[in-house]
Each structure stands twice: as C-alpha cells, then as structure tokens.
Amino acid sequence: MQLPNATTQCFADAQQLAAAATEWIIEQANAALTARGVFRLVLAGGTTPAAIYRQLGALDQDWRGWQFYFGDERCLPVADPERNSQLAATTWFEPAGIDHRQIVAIPAECGPVEAARRYAQLIQTALPFDLVLLGMGEDGHTASLFPDGCAFTEQQLTLAVTNAPKPPPQRVSLTPTALAASRQRLLLVTGESKRRALHAWQQGVALPIAEVAKHGSLNVFVDQVAT
C-alpha cells in the first residue's frame, strides 16, 4: 500500500505487527544509546501500542538512558485508567520497574490550557526526539489532532484541545511541528475499522494523519485487514 509521504510495511496480522514494532523500537533505542547515550521516545495511546508495551515490559532490558514522553493526553485525574500515561504505566513501566524520573507525563489534570503551556516548556529541551509512536483513529485523527479541530500555528509545540469529538472533549496534544521534531516516526495501524481512513489518506483527503505525514519522514506498520 502506497501512502503519501510515508514508507509502508504490511504484516499478516496485529500480532506480527506488534512483534516487528517491538524489535524495531529496540533497534532504534540501541542506536540512539550508542550514539548519544539517551533514547527519547514519545508514546501513543490505544490498543495497538498497548500490545507493544506489554511485549516491551516483558523484556530483560536495561532501561537506563530511556526517556519517555507522550504525544497526547486526556484531561482526567492522574490515576484515571483512561489516561495514556496510565496505560503505559500498567502495561510497561510498572512491570519493567522503570524509574518514574525517566517519565515526562503531560500534566493534563491541570486542564488543557495550563497543561499545554507546561508541557511545551518541558519538551523544548528534549527536541529532537529519537522516536515518535503514533496511532490513527477511524476518522484519520492522530494523537489528539482531530478533523476540524482547534487551530494552531507552525511555531506551537502543544495544543490545548477543548472540543474533541470523542470523550473526554478536553485534551492536550503535540502539534505536527512537535511530532515532526524526531529522528524517526512510526505509525501503527491495525484493524478493518481503519481501512476507510487509510484509503482516504491514500487518495489525498486532508486528514490529520496526512498533515502530520507531510512534516518529515513517516514509517507505517499496517496489518493486512486494514489495507
């Protein structure tokens, strides 16, 4: 499958995709750690990344040198299971015993405007990231960048979302500018429900994921049923 501004690899099913993505992430981490002594990784939410986080959390891996960031977050209490930070914690950080000082969560419990302001300051010194993980919704959204969403400028690194079309409406997201400030980017797409958005992207429809893809190179791992 050819997608604009992207390099695509197709896998037989979600399990093969998750295994390949896990291996690829470790390869990127080892390369970054060898070159710079640190691996800065931006995490995504969703069921496909969760499967990968579980595989990573089960590895016998030295996690020192890894630093974790988030592409978006829901404005919910810190311990709410619907938060992306909690998903990563339960599937990866806690099983692997990762030090909380390596995790730079979005303070979304402060509300979208204040959290976006704070997170922009926190990530400025981390750029460029080494790897940004992305997912895609059935409507072509990625992170919390939705069709017909909030306006933002090219200079912004974060976005306060107040009207997301799916609950909760208040969120914080990295912008395409911030998501592009990375040495590598990997989009994970699984499931038949994503097929319509992938085909729309392929045909040039102005979806949020298509806008993000324009900002630098993008690797796409997709399973067979999504194509």
Protein backbone atom coordinates (compact mmCIF):
# COMPACT_ATOMS: atom_id res chain seq x y z
CA MET A 1 0.00 0.00 0.00
CA GLN A 2 1.43 3.36 -1.06
CA LEU A 3 0.65 6.30 1.22
CA PRO A 4 1.69 9.92 0.58
CA ASN A 5 4.87 10.95 2.42
CA ALA A 6 5.20 7.54 4.08
CA THR A 7 7.10 4.26 3.85
CA THR A 8 4.73 1.35 4.47
CA GLN A 9 5.28 -2.21 5.68
CA CYS A 10 2.35 -4.62 5.75
CA PHE A 11 2.03 -7.54 8.18
CA ALA A 12 -0.24 -10.57 8.16
CA ASP A 13 -1.95 -9.67 11.43
CA ALA A 14 -1.75 -7.46 14.50
CA GLN A 15 0.40 -9.98 16.37
CA GLN A 16 3.11 -10.00 13.71
CA LEU A 17 2.96 -6.22 13.53
CA ALA A 18 3.40 -5.88 17.30
CA ALA A 19 6.38 -8.24 17.30
CA ALA A 20 8.04 -6.38 14.43
CA ALA A 21 7.39 -3.00 16.03
CA THR A 22 8.82 -4.17 19.36
CA GLU A 23 12.01 -5.34 17.65
CA TRP A 24 12.25 -2.11 15.63
CA ILE A 25 11.86 0.07 18.72
CA ILE A 26 14.66 -1.80 20.49
CA GLU A 27 16.87 -1.34 17.42
CA GLN A 28 16.22 2.40 17.39
CA ALA A 29 16.89 2.59 21.12
CA ASN A 30 20.20 0.76 20.86
CA ALA A 31 21.33 3.01 18.01
CA ALA A 32 20.41 6.17 19.92
CA LEU A 33 22.02 4.98 23.14
CA THR A 34 25.23 4.11 21.31
CA ALA A 35 25.32 7.45 19.50
CA ARG A 36 24.11 9.83 22.20
CA GLY A 37 23.67 7.94 25.47
CA VAL A 38 19.95 8.66 25.63
CA PHE A 39 16.81 7.46 23.84
CA ARG A 40 13.87 9.88 23.86
CA LEU A 41 10.64 8.10 22.98
CA VAL A 42 7.18 9.63 22.52
CA LEU A 43 4.35 7.21 23.31
CA ALA A 44 0.87 6.88 21.85
CA GLY A 45 -2.34 5.56 23.37
CA GLY A 46 -4.62 2.85 22.03
CA THR A 47 -4.91 -0.93 21.82
CA THR A 48 -2.18 -1.46 19.22
CA PRO A 49 0.53 0.41 21.18
CA ALA A 50 -0.65 -1.35 24.37
CA ALA A 51 0.17 -4.74 22.84
CA ILE A 52 3.66 -3.49 22.05
CA TYR A 53 4.12 -2.01 25.51
CA ARG A 54 3.29 -5.38 27.05
CA GLN A 55 5.94 -7.07 24.92
CA LEU A 56 8.50 -4.41 25.82
CA GLY A 57 7.64 -4.62 29.50
CA ALA A 58 8.34 -8.36 29.49
CA LEU A 59 11.85 -7.97 28.06
CA ASP A 60 15.02 -8.37 30.09
CA GLN A 61 16.23 -4.93 29.08
CA ASP A 62 18.37 -2.22 30.64
CA TRP A 63 16.01 0.74 30.56
CA ARG A 64 18.53 3.26 31.85
CA GLY A 65 19.01 6.01 29.27
CA TRP A 66 15.41 5.77 28.03
CA GLN A 67 13.26 8.87 28.48
CA PHE A 68 9.51 8.73 27.90
CA TYR A 69 7.17 11.44 26.63
CA PHE A 70 3.57 11.41 25.35
CA GLY A 71 2.01 12.54 22.09
CA ASP A 72 -1.28 13.42 23.75
CA GLU A 73 -3.26 13.02 26.93
CA ARG A 74 -6.83 13.18 28.18
CA CYS A 75 -7.63 15.80 30.81
CA LEU A 76 -8.50 13.35 33.56
CA PRO A 77 -7.19 12.71 37.08
CA VAL A 78 -3.64 11.35 37.27
CA ALA A 79 -4.67 7.80 38.18
CA ASP A 80 -7.59 7.53 35.74
CA PRO A 81 -7.20 4.30 33.71
CA GLU A 82 -8.29 6.16 30.55
CA ARG A 83 -5.13 8.27 30.56
CA ASN A 84 -2.35 7.31 28.15
CA SER A 85 0.16 7.66 30.98
CA GLN A 86 -1.73 5.04 32.99
CA LEU A 87 -1.89 2.69 30.02
CA ALA A 88 1.89 2.90 29.64
CA ALA A 89 2.38 2.51 33.40
CA THR A 90 0.30 -0.65 33.78
CA THR A 91 1.49 -2.38 30.60
CA TRP A 92 5.17 -1.37 30.61
CA PHE A 93 6.62 0.96 33.24
CA GLU A 94 5.47 -0.93 36.33
CA PRO A 95 6.19 -4.48 35.06
CA ALA A 96 9.64 -3.35 33.88
CA GLY A 97 10.44 -1.37 37.04
CA ILE A 98 11.19 1.84 35.14
CA ASP A 99 12.19 4.79 37.31
CA HIS A 100 9.46 7.45 37.42
CA ARG A 101 12.12 10.11 36.89
CA GLN A 102 12.51 8.85 33.31
CA ILE A 103 8.85 9.60 32.55
CA VAL A 104 7.75 13.09 31.47
CA ALA A 105 3.96 12.92 31.60
CA ILE A 106 1.60 15.60 30.34
CA PRO A 107 0.08 17.34 33.41
CA ALA A 108 -3.37 17.13 31.86
CA GLU A 109 -5.06 17.14 35.25
CA CYS A 110 -4.34 20.90 35.25
CA GLY A 111 -6.73 21.47 32.36
CA PRO A 112 -5.91 21.74 28.65
CA VAL A 113 -4.59 25.30 28.50
CA GLU A 114 -2.28 25.16 31.51
CA ALA A 115 -1.14 21.62 30.72
CA ALA A 116 -0.30 22.56 27.13
CA ARG A 117 1.72 25.53 28.34
CA ARG A 118 3.66 23.46 30.86
CA TYR A 119 4.35 20.58 28.50
CA ALA A 120 5.67 22.87 25.79
CA GLN A 121 8.28 24.06 28.29
CA LEU A 122 9.11 20.51 29.36
CA ILE A 123 9.75 19.17 25.86
CA GLN A 124 11.72 22.10 24.46
CA THR A 125 15.00 20.78 25.82
CA ALA A 126 14.20 17.23 24.66
CA LEU A 127 13.93 18.03 20.97
CA PRO A 128 14.61 16.39 18.67
CA PHE A 129 13.05 13.20 19.95
CA ASP A 130 14.57 9.93 18.79
CA LEU A 131 11.30 8.15 18.02
CA VAL A 132 7.64 9.22 17.98
CA LEU A 133 5.00 6.49 18.06
CA LEU A 134 1.64 7.33 16.52
CA GLY A 135 -1.73 5.66 16.15
CA MET A 136 -4.61 6.53 13.85
CA GLY A 137 -8.33 6.65 14.58
CA GLU A 138 -11.15 5.63 12.29
CA ASP A 139 -11.62 9.30 11.33
CA GLY A 140 -7.93 9.75 10.45
CA HIS A 141 -7.03 11.56 13.67
CA THR A 142 -3.65 11.01 15.31
CA ALA A 143 -2.57 11.99 18.81
CA SER A 144 -5.46 14.38 19.69
CA LEU A 145 -5.41 16.14 16.33
CA PHE A 146 -8.94 15.68 15.02
CA PRO A 147 -10.61 16.66 11.73
CA ASP A 148 -11.98 20.21 12.05
CA GLY A 149 -10.16 20.57 15.37
CA CYS A 150 -8.56 23.53 17.13
CA ALA A 151 -6.37 25.91 15.14
CA PHE A 152 -2.67 26.24 15.92
CA THR A 153 0.42 27.91 14.49
CA GLU A 154 3.54 26.37 12.97
CA GLN A 155 5.55 27.54 15.97
CA GLN A 156 3.39 25.80 18.58
CA LEU A 157 4.66 22.58 20.12
CA THR A 158 1.50 21.73 22.06
CA LEU A 159 -2.21 22.24 21.58
CA ALA A 160 -4.98 22.70 24.14
CA VAL A 161 -7.94 20.71 22.80
CA THR A 162 -11.33 21.73 24.19
CA ASN A 163 -13.76 20.17 21.71
CA ALA A 164 -12.61 16.66 20.87
CA PRO A 165 -15.41 14.76 19.09
CA LYS A 166 -14.90 11.73 21.34
CA PRO A 167 -14.85 11.81 25.15
CA PRO A 168 -13.33 13.40 27.02
CA PRO A 169 -13.54 16.63 25.00
CA GLN A 170 -10.63 18.27 26.84
CA ARG A 171 -7.17 17.02 25.90
CA VAL A 172 -3.60 18.09 25.25
CA SER A 173 -1.75 17.14 22.08
CA LEU A 174 1.62 17.66 20.50
CA THR A 175 1.27 19.57 17.22
CA PRO A 176 2.53 18.36 13.82
CA THR A 177 5.58 20.58 14.40
CA ALA A 178 6.48 18.78 17.62
CA LEU A 179 5.62 15.34 16.22
CA ALA A 180 7.94 16.05 13.29
CA ALA A 181 10.83 17.04 15.56
CA SER A 182 12.09 13.46 15.74
CA ARG A 183 14.74 11.34 14.09
CA GLN A 184 12.21 8.57 13.42
CA ARG A 185 8.41 8.29 13.46
CA LEU A 186 6.37 5.11 13.44
CA LEU A 187 2.62 4.92 12.79
CA LEU A 188 0.85 1.74 13.91
CA VAL A 189 -2.41 0.82 12.14
CA THR A 190 -4.40 -2.35 12.79
CA GLY A 191 -7.96 -3.48 12.20
CA GLU A 192 -10.58 -3.34 9.48
CA SER A 193 -12.12 -0.21 11.01
CA LYS A 194 -9.06 1.80 9.90
CA ARG A 195 -9.34 0.82 6.24
CA ARG A 196 -11.59 3.68 5.18
CA ALA A 197 -9.28 6.34 6.67
CA LEU A 198 -6.19 4.73 5.12
CA HIS A 199 -7.81 4.75 1.69
CA ALA A 200 -8.91 8.37 2.14
CA TRP A 201 -5.33 9.29 3.02
CA GLN A 202 -4.09 7.37 0.00
CA GLN A 203 -6.46 9.38 -2.20
CA GLY A 204 -5.24 12.72 -0.85
CA VAL A 205 -8.01 13.60 1.61
CA ALA A 206 -6.83 16.23 4.11
CA LEU A 207 -6.89 14.09 7.25
CA PRO A 208 -4.88 14.98 10.37
CA ILE A 209 -2.59 11.98 9.85
CA ALA A 210 -1.92 13.17 6.29
CA GLU A 211 -0.95 16.60 7.63
CA VAL A 212 1.41 15.03 10.17
CA ALA A 213 2.96 12.87 7.44
CA LYS A 214 3.86 15.98 5.44
CA HIS A 215 6.21 17.11 8.21
CA GLY A 216 9.16 14.76 7.67
CA SER A 217 9.50 11.04 7.00
CA LEU A 218 6.99 8.58 8.43
CA ASN A 219 7.22 4.81 8.74
CA VAL A 220 3.88 2.99 8.71
CA PHE A 221 3.33 -0.53 10.04
CA VAL A 222 -0.11 -1.79 8.97
CA ASP A 223 -1.81 -5.17 9.19
CA GLN A 224 -3.48 -6.90 6.27
CA VAL A 225 -7.10 -6.31 7.26
CA ALA A 226 -6.56 -2.54 7.48
CA THR A 227 -5.49 -2.34 3.85
